[in-house]
Amino acid sequence: AVTQTLAPGEERAFPQGGTRTLYFDPSTHRPSADLPVLLIGTDPQGRELEYYCFQQVQVRAPGDYRPFHPQILGKP
């Protein structure tokens, strides 16, 4: 897990600051390997402001990078 400290006013959802902790999938055989699968954000008093749990992660097959091609992204 990685914890990010948010300063007051840094993000609209955290006016007094807080922390955001990302938990990563340690597996090596699932599509979600090494990706964040849980995110929890709290205010300075420890109250939960964000909670995202990512399940059934799907990724594109290797080599299928057309959505990221410069012409599709509108870049010359």
PDB file of N, CA and C in Angstrom:
ATOM      1  N   ALA A   1       0.845  -1.188   0.000  1.00  0.00           N
ATOM      2  CA  ALA A   1       0.000   0.000   0.000  1.00  0.00           C
ATOM      3  C   ALA A   1       0.881   1.239   0.000  1.00  0.00           C
ATOM      4  N   VAL A   2       0.306   2.303  -0.530  1.00  0.00           N
ATOM      5  CA  VAL A   2       0.976   3.603  -0.568  1.00  0.00           C
ATOM      6  C   VAL A   2      -0.007   4.632  -0.023  1.00  0.00           C
ATOM      7  N   THR A   3       0.467   5.500   0.869  1.00  0.00           N
ATOM      8  CA  THR A   3      -0.390   6.547   1.422  1.00  0.00           C
ATOM      9  C   THR A   3       0.092   7.904   0.939  1.00  0.00           C
ATOM     10  N   GLN A   4      -0.846   8.675   0.409  1.00  0.00           N
ATOM     11  CA  GLN A   4      -0.584  10.029  -0.070  1.00  0.00           C
ATOM     12  C   GLN A   4      -1.157  11.000   0.957  1.00  0.00           C
ATOM     13  N   THR A   5      -0.365  11.959   1.380  1.00  0.00           N
ATOM     14  CA  THR A   5      -0.829  12.985   2.306  1.00  0.00           C
ATOM     15  C   THR A   5      -1.295  14.185   1.499  1.00  0.00           C
ATOM     16  N   LEU A   6      -2.515  14.640   1.776  1.00  0.00           N
ATOM     17  CA  LEU A   6      -3.097  15.766   1.059  1.00  0.00           C
ATOM     18  C   LEU A   6      -3.112  16.995   1.959  1.00  0.00           C
ATOM     19  N   ALA A   7      -2.536  18.067   1.473  1.00  0.00           N
ATOM     20  CA  ALA A   7      -2.502  19.324   2.234  1.00  0.00           C
ATOM     21  C   ALA A   7      -3.877  19.996   2.181  1.00  0.00           C
ATOM     22  N   PRO A   8      -4.210  20.802   3.185  1.00  0.00           N
ATOM     23  CA  PRO A   8      -5.482  21.526   3.147  1.00  0.00           C
ATOM     24  C   PRO A   8      -5.602  22.364   1.869  1.00  0.00           C
ATOM     25  N   GLY A   9      -6.764  22.253   1.205  1.00  0.00           N
ATOM     26  CA  GLY A   9      -7.008  22.996  -0.017  1.00  0.00           C
ATOM     27  C   GLY A   9      -6.399  22.402  -1.272  1.00  0.00           C
ATOM     28  N   GLU A  10      -5.651  21.331  -1.146  1.00  0.00           N
ATOM     29  CA  GLU A  10      -4.999  20.731  -2.316  1.00  0.00           C
ATOM     30  C   GLU A  10      -6.021  20.112  -3.267  1.00  0.00           C
ATOM     31  N   GLU A  11      -7.063  19.510  -2.716  1.00  0.00           N
ATOM     32  CA  GLU A  11      -8.121  18.918  -3.525  1.00  0.00           C
ATOM     33  C   GLU A  11      -9.473  19.332  -2.979  1.00  0.00           C
ATOM     34  N   ARG A  12     -10.411  19.568  -3.876  1.00  0.00           N
ATOM     35  CA  ARG A  12     -11.742  20.043  -3.490  1.00  0.00           C
ATOM     36  C   ARG A  12     -12.439  19.077  -2.532  1.00  0.00           C
ATOM     37  N   ALA A  13     -12.273  17.770  -2.752  1.00  0.00           N
ATOM     38  CA  ALA A  13     -12.942  16.766  -1.905  1.00  0.00           C
ATOM     39  C   ALA A  13     -12.345  16.700  -0.495  1.00  0.00           C
ATOM     40  N   PHE A  14     -11.167  17.292  -0.309  1.00  0.00           N
ATOM     41  CA  PHE A  14     -10.475  17.257   0.984  1.00  0.00           C
ATOM     42  C   PHE A  14     -10.135  18.684   1.417  1.00  0.00           C
ATOM     43  N   PRO A  15     -11.129  19.503   1.771  1.00  0.00           N
ATOM     44  CA  PRO A  15     -10.851  20.913   2.078  1.00  0.00           C
ATOM     45  C   PRO A  15      -9.877  21.114   3.234  1.00  0.00           C
ATOM     46  N   GLN A  16      -9.891  20.235   4.222  1.00  0.00           N
ATOM     47  CA  GLN A  16      -8.959  20.342   5.344  1.00  0.00           C
ATOM     48  C   GLN A  16      -7.765  19.406   5.210  1.00  0.00           C
ATOM     49  N   GLY A  17      -7.592  18.815   4.028  1.00  0.00           N
ATOM     50  CA  GLY A  17      -6.509  17.863   3.822  1.00  0.00           C
ATOM     51  C   GLY A  17      -6.937  16.467   4.232  1.00  0.00           C
ATOM     52  N   GLY A  18      -5.992  15.558   4.290  1.00  0.00           N
ATOM     53  CA  GLY A  18      -6.282  14.186   4.678  1.00  0.00           C
ATOM     54  C   GLY A  18      -5.281  13.232   4.078  1.00  0.00           C
ATOM     55  N   THR A  19      -5.698  11.988   3.946  1.00  0.00           N
ATOM     56  CA  THR A  19      -4.830  10.972   3.349  1.00  0.00           C
ATOM     57  C   THR A  19      -5.621  10.134   2.355  1.00  0.00           C
ATOM     58  N   ARG A  20      -4.908   9.606   1.381  1.00  0.00           N
ATOM     59  CA  ARG A  20      -5.481   8.688   0.408  1.00  0.00           C
ATOM     60  C   ARG A  20      -4.531   7.487   0.353  1.00  0.00           C
ATOM     61  N   THR A  21      -5.072   6.311   0.649  1.00  0.00           N
ATOM     62  CA  THR A  21      -4.261   5.099   0.637  1.00  0.00           C
ATOM     63  C   THR A  21      -4.688   4.222  -0.527  1.00  0.00           C
ATOM     64  N   LEU A  22      -3.715   3.803  -1.329  1.00  0.00           N
ATOM     65  CA  LEU A  22      -3.949   2.910  -2.456  1.00  0.00           C
ATOM     66  C   LEU A  22      -3.356   1.548  -2.120  1.00  0.00           C
ATOM     67  N   TYR A  23      -4.168   0.520  -2.292  1.00  0.00           N
ATOM     68  CA  TYR A  23      -3.739  -0.854  -2.049  1.00  0.00           C
ATOM     69  C   TYR A  23      -3.593  -1.547  -3.403  1.00  0.00           C
ATOM     70  N   PHE A  24      -2.462  -2.205  -3.606  1.00  0.00           N
ATOM     71  CA  PHE A  24      -2.154  -2.828  -4.886  1.00  0.00           C
ATOM     72  C   PHE A  24      -2.315  -4.338  -4.811  1.00  0.00           C
ATOM     73  N   ASP A  25      -2.669  -4.948  -5.949  1.00  0.00           N
ATOM     74  CA  ASP A  25      -2.811  -6.392  -6.048  1.00  0.00           C
ATOM     75  C   ASP A  25      -1.414  -7.002  -6.177  1.00  0.00           C
ATOM     76  N   PRO A  26      -0.980  -7.794  -5.196  1.00  0.00           N
ATOM     77  CA  PRO A  26       0.365  -8.364  -5.240  1.00  0.00           C
ATOM     78  C   PRO A  26       0.483  -9.607  -6.116  1.00  0.00           C
ATOM     79  N   SER A  27      -0.616 -10.054  -6.702  1.00  0.00           N
ATOM     80  CA  SER A  27      -0.577 -11.290  -7.493  1.00  0.00           C
ATOM     81  C   SER A  27       0.268 -11.102  -8.748  1.00  0.00           C
ATOM     82  N   THR A  28       0.626 -12.206  -9.352  1.00  0.00           N
ATOM     83  CA  THR A  28       1.383 -12.152 -10.605  1.00  0.00           C
ATOM     84  C   THR A  28       0.608 -12.773 -11.750  1.00  0.00           C
ATOM     85  N   HIS A  29      -0.502 -13.407 -11.453  1.00  0.00           N
ATOM     86  CA  HIS A  29      -1.227 -14.148 -12.485  1.00  0.00           C
ATOM     87  C   HIS A  29      -2.590 -13.557 -12.854  1.00  0.00           C
ATOM     88  N   ARG A  30      -3.007 -12.486 -12.217  1.00  0.00           N
ATOM     89  CA  ARG A  30      -4.301 -11.865 -12.533  1.00  0.00           C
ATOM     90  C   ARG A  30      -4.080 -10.611 -13.371  1.00  0.00           C
ATOM     91  N   PRO A  31      -5.093 -10.194 -14.151  1.00  0.00           N
ATOM     92  CA  PRO A  31      -4.949  -8.958 -14.938  1.00  0.00           C
ATOM     93  C   PRO A  31      -4.686  -7.733 -14.061  1.00  0.00           C
ATOM     94  N   SER A  32      -5.122  -7.782 -12.816  1.00  0.00           N
ATOM     95  CA  SER A  32      -4.932  -6.640 -11.912  1.00  0.00           C
ATOM     96  C   SER A  32      -3.576  -6.655 -11.207  1.00  0.00           C
ATOM     97  N   ALA A  33      -2.701  -7.562 -11.579  1.00  0.00           N
ATOM     98  CA  ALA A  33      -1.391  -7.662 -10.927  1.00  0.00           C
ATOM     99  C   ALA A  33      -0.684  -6.315 -10.907  1.00  0.00           C
ATOM    100  N   ASP A  34      -0.249  -5.909  -9.728  1.00  0.00           N
ATOM    101  CA  ASP A  34       0.495  -4.668  -9.504  1.00  0.00           C
ATOM    102  C   ASP A  34      -0.319  -3.393  -9.742  1.00  0.00           C
ATOM    103  N   LEU A  35      -1.623  -3.491  -9.946  1.00  0.00           N
ATOM    104  CA  LEU A  35      -2.471  -2.304 -10.126  1.00  0.00           C
ATOM    105  C   LEU A  35      -3.190  -1.980  -8.823  1.00  0.00           C
ATOM    106  N   PRO A  36      -3.585  -0.708  -8.630  1.00  0.00           N
ATOM    107  CA  PRO A  36      -4.361  -0.389  -7.431  1.00  0.00           C
ATOM    108  C   PRO A  36      -5.750  -1.025  -7.529  1.00  0.00           C
ATOM    109  N   VAL A  37      -6.157  -1.723  -6.487  1.00  0.00           N
ATOM    110  CA  VAL A  37      -7.467  -2.377  -6.478  1.00  0.00           C
ATOM    111  C   VAL A  37      -8.373  -1.817  -5.387  1.00  0.00           C
ATOM    112  N   LEU A  38      -7.815  -1.028  -4.482  1.00  0.00           N
ATOM    113  CA  LEU A  38      -8.608  -0.415  -3.424  1.00  0.00           C
ATOM    114  C   LEU A  38      -8.014   0.953  -3.115  1.00  0.00           C
ATOM    115  N   LEU A  39      -8.890   1.956  -2.992  1.00  0.00           N
ATOM    116  CA  LEU A  39      -8.466   3.305  -2.663  1.00  0.00           C
ATOM    117  C   LEU A  39      -9.378   3.807  -1.556  1.00  0.00           C
ATOM    118  N   ILE A  40      -8.781   4.293  -0.474  1.00  0.00           N
ATOM    119  CA  ILE A  40      -9.552   4.828   0.648  1.00  0.00           C
ATOM    120  C   ILE A  40      -8.980   6.197   1.000  1.00  0.00           C
ATOM    121  N   GLY A  41      -9.850   7.208   0.985  1.00  0.00           N
ATOM    122  CA  GLY A  41      -9.449   8.564   1.350  1.00  0.00           C
ATOM    123  C   GLY A  41     -10.130   8.980   2.640  1.00  0.00           C
ATOM    124  N   THR A  42      -9.374   9.592   3.545  1.00  0.00           N
ATOM    125  CA  THR A  42      -9.925  10.020   4.832  1.00  0.00           C
ATOM    126  C   THR A  42      -9.537  11.466   5.118  1.00  0.00           C
ATOM    127  N   ASP A  43     -10.371  12.122   5.918  1.00  0.00           N
ATOM    128  CA  ASP A  43     -10.058  13.483   6.347  1.00  0.00           C
ATOM    129  C   ASP A  43      -9.134  13.417   7.566  1.00  0.00           C
ATOM    130  N   PRO A  44      -8.663  14.567   8.091  1.00  0.00           N
ATOM    131  CA  PRO A  44      -7.736  14.534   9.221  1.00  0.00           C
ATOM    132  C   PRO A  44      -8.289  13.859  10.480  1.00  0.00           C
ATOM    133  N   GLN A  45      -9.615  13.781  10.603  1.00  0.00           N
ATOM    134  CA  GLN A  45     -10.212  13.111  11.770  1.00  0.00           C
ATOM    135  C   GLN A  45     -10.403  11.606  11.529  1.00  0.00           C
ATOM    136  N   GLY A  46     -10.007  11.129  10.366  1.00  0.00           N
ATOM    137  CA  GLY A  46     -10.128   9.707  10.077  1.00  0.00           C
ATOM    138  C   GLY A  46     -11.444   9.292   9.452  1.00  0.00           C
ATOM    139  N   ARG A  47     -12.311  10.258   9.137  1.00  0.00           N
ATOM    140  CA  ARG A  47     -13.590   9.939   8.496  1.00  0.00           C
ATOM    141  C   ARG A  47     -13.365   9.641   7.025  1.00  0.00           C
ATOM    142  N   GLU A  48     -14.003   8.591   6.555  1.00  0.00           N
ATOM    143  CA  GLU A  48     -13.848   8.153   5.177  1.00  0.00           C
ATOM    144  C   GLU A  48     -14.572   9.108   4.226  1.00  0.00           C
ATOM    145  N   LEU A  49     -13.846   9.626   3.228  1.00  0.00           N
ATOM    146  CA  LEU A  49     -14.420  10.506   2.224  1.00  0.00           C
ATOM    147  C   LEU A  49     -14.474   9.844   0.856  1.00  0.00           C
ATOM    148  N   GLU A  50     -13.608   8.886   0.628  1.00  0.00           N
ATOM    149  CA  GLU A  50     -13.553   8.159  -0.640  1.00  0.00           C
ATOM    150  C   GLU A  50     -13.385   6.673  -0.356  1.00  0.00           C
ATOM    151  N   TYR A  51     -14.005   5.872  -1.196  1.00  0.00           N
ATOM    152  CA  TYR A  51     -13.810   4.422  -1.127  1.00  0.00           C
ATOM    153  C   TYR A  51     -14.070   3.869  -2.519  1.00  0.00           C
ATOM    154  N   TYR A  52     -13.029   3.370  -3.153  1.00  0.00           N
ATOM    155  CA  TYR A  52     -13.157   2.767  -4.473  1.00  0.00           C
ATOM    156  C   TYR A  52     -12.537   1.381  -4.416  1.00  0.00           C
ATOM    157  N   CYS A  53     -13.320   0.388  -4.799  1.00  0.00           N
ATOM    158  CA  CYS A  53     -12.840  -0.994  -4.851  1.00  0.00           C
ATOM    159  C   CYS A  53     -12.995  -1.463  -6.288  1.00  0.00           C
ATOM    160  N   PHE A  54     -11.891  -1.823  -6.910  1.00  0.00           N
ATOM    161  CA  PHE A  54     -11.893  -2.252  -8.311  1.00  0.00           C
ATOM    162  C   PHE A  54     -11.848  -3.773  -8.363  1.00  0.00           C
ATOM    163  N   GLN A  55     -12.893  -4.361  -8.939  1.00  0.00           N
ATOM    164  CA  GLN A  55     -12.988  -5.809  -9.063  1.00  0.00           C
ATOM    165  C   GLN A  55     -13.109  -6.160 -10.541  1.00  0.00           C
ATOM    166  N   GLN A  56     -12.778  -7.376 -10.881  1.00  0.00           N
ATOM    167  CA  GLN A  56     -12.878  -7.880 -12.250  1.00  0.00           C
ATOM    168  C   GLN A  56     -12.182  -6.956 -13.234  1.00  0.00           C
ATOM    169  N   VAL A  57     -10.932  -6.645 -12.960  1.00  0.00           N
ATOM    170  CA  VAL A  57     -10.139  -5.765 -13.813  1.00  0.00           C
ATOM    171  C   VAL A  57      -9.884  -6.462 -15.139  1.00  0.00           C
ATOM    172  N   GLN A  58     -10.104  -5.739 -16.235  1.00  0.00           N
ATOM    173  CA  GLN A  58      -9.844  -6.270 -17.567  1.00  0.00           C
ATOM    174  C   GLN A  58      -8.877  -5.329 -18.268  1.00  0.00           C
ATOM    175  N   VAL A  59      -7.926  -5.903 -18.951  1.00  0.00           N
ATOM    176  CA  VAL A  59      -6.964  -5.114 -19.708  1.00  0.00           C
ATOM    177  C   VAL A  59      -6.966  -5.593 -21.147  1.00  0.00           C
ATOM    178  N   ARG A  60      -6.527  -4.737 -22.033  1.00  0.00           N
ATOM    179  CA  ARG A  60      -6.458  -5.105 -23.449  1.00  0.00           C
ATOM    180  C   ARG A  60      -5.363  -6.138 -23.674  1.00  0.00           C
ATOM    181  N   ALA A  61      -5.541  -6.906 -24.712  1.00  0.00           N
ATOM    182  CA  ALA A  61      -4.538  -7.904 -25.077  1.00  0.00           C
ATOM    183  C   ALA A  61      -3.246  -7.195 -25.451  1.00  0.00           C
ATOM    184  N   PRO A  62      -2.092  -7.795 -25.168  1.00  0.00           N
ATOM    185  CA  PRO A  62      -0.814  -7.168 -25.528  1.00  0.00           C
ATOM    186  C   PRO A  62      -0.779  -6.805 -27.010  1.00  0.00           C
ATOM    187  N   GLY A  63      -0.263  -5.629 -27.299  1.00  0.00           N
ATOM    188  CA  GLY A  63      -0.130  -5.194 -28.682  1.00  0.00           C
ATOM    189  C   GLY A  63      -1.336  -4.429 -29.205  1.00  0.00           C
ATOM    190  N   ASP A  64      -2.431  -4.383 -28.472  1.00  0.00           N
ATOM    191  CA  ASP A  64      -3.618  -3.681 -28.924  1.00  0.00           C
ATOM    192  C   ASP A  64      -3.600  -2.267 -28.349  1.00  0.00           C
ATOM    193  N   TYR A  65      -2.803  -1.403 -28.933  1.00  0.00           N
ATOM    194  CA  TYR A  65      -2.632  -0.055 -28.391  1.00  0.00           C
ATOM    195  C   TYR A  65      -3.240   1.004 -29.295  1.00  0.00           C
ATOM    196  N   ARG A  66      -4.180   0.647 -30.158  1.00  0.00           N
ATOM    197  CA  ARG A  66      -4.790   1.604 -31.074  1.00  0.00           C
ATOM    198  C   ARG A  66      -5.400   2.812 -30.358  1.00  0.00           C
ATOM    199  N   PRO A  67      -6.055   2.653 -29.208  1.00  0.00           N
ATOM    200  CA  PRO A  67      -6.637   3.844 -28.578  1.00  0.00           C
ATOM    201  C   PRO A  67      -5.595   4.890 -28.192  1.00  0.00           C
ATOM    202  N   PHE A  68      -4.339   4.488 -28.108  1.00  0.00           N
ATOM    203  CA  PHE A  68      -3.280   5.410 -27.700  1.00  0.00           C
ATOM    204  C   PHE A  68      -2.442   5.896 -28.882  1.00  0.00           C
ATOM    205  N   HIS A  69      -2.870   5.573 -30.099  1.00  0.00           N
ATOM    206  CA  HIS A  69      -2.137   6.008 -31.283  1.00  0.00           C
ATOM    207  C   HIS A  69      -2.257   7.529 -31.398  1.00  0.00           C
ATOM    208  N   PRO A  70      -1.162   8.240 -31.719  1.00  0.00           N
ATOM    209  CA  PRO A  70      -1.193   9.712 -31.778  1.00  0.00           C
ATOM    210  C   PRO A  70      -2.289  10.272 -32.668  1.00  0.00           C
ATOM    211  N   GLN A  71      -2.577   9.625 -33.803  1.00  0.00           N
ATOM    212  CA  GLN A  71      -3.614  10.142 -34.701  1.00  0.00           C
ATOM    213  C   GLN A  71      -4.995  10.054 -34.050  1.00  0.00           C
ATOM    214  N   ILE A  72      -5.239   9.013 -33.286  1.00  0.00           N
ATOM    215  CA  ILE A  72      -6.521   8.867 -32.618  1.00  0.00           C
ATOM    216  C   ILE A  72      -6.648   9.875 -31.478  1.00  0.00           C
ATOM    217  N   LEU A  73      -5.535  10.163 -30.826  1.00  0.00           N
ATOM    218  CA  LEU A  73      -5.541  11.120 -29.726  1.00  0.00           C
ATOM    219  C   LEU A  73      -5.571  12.576 -30.217  1.00  0.00           C
ATOM    220  N   GLY A  74      -5.482  12.767 -31.544  1.00  0.00           N
ATOM    221  CA  GLY A  74      -5.525  14.112 -32.107  1.00  0.00           C
ATOM    222  C   GLY A  74      -4.191  14.817 -32.106  1.00  0.00           C
ATOM    223  N   LYS A  75      -3.127  14.064 -31.997  1.00  0.00           N
ATOM    224  CA  LYS A  75      -1.796  14.655 -32.023  1.00  0.00           C
ATOM    225  C   LYS A  75      -1.193  14.449 -33.407  1.00  0.00           C
ATOM    226  N   PRO A  76      -0.434  15.419 -33.906  1.00  0.00           N
ATOM    227  CA  PRO A  76       0.168  15.287 -35.242  1.00  0.00           C
ATOM    228  C   PRO A  76       1.249  14.222 -35.290  1.00  0.00           C
TER     229      PRO A  76
END
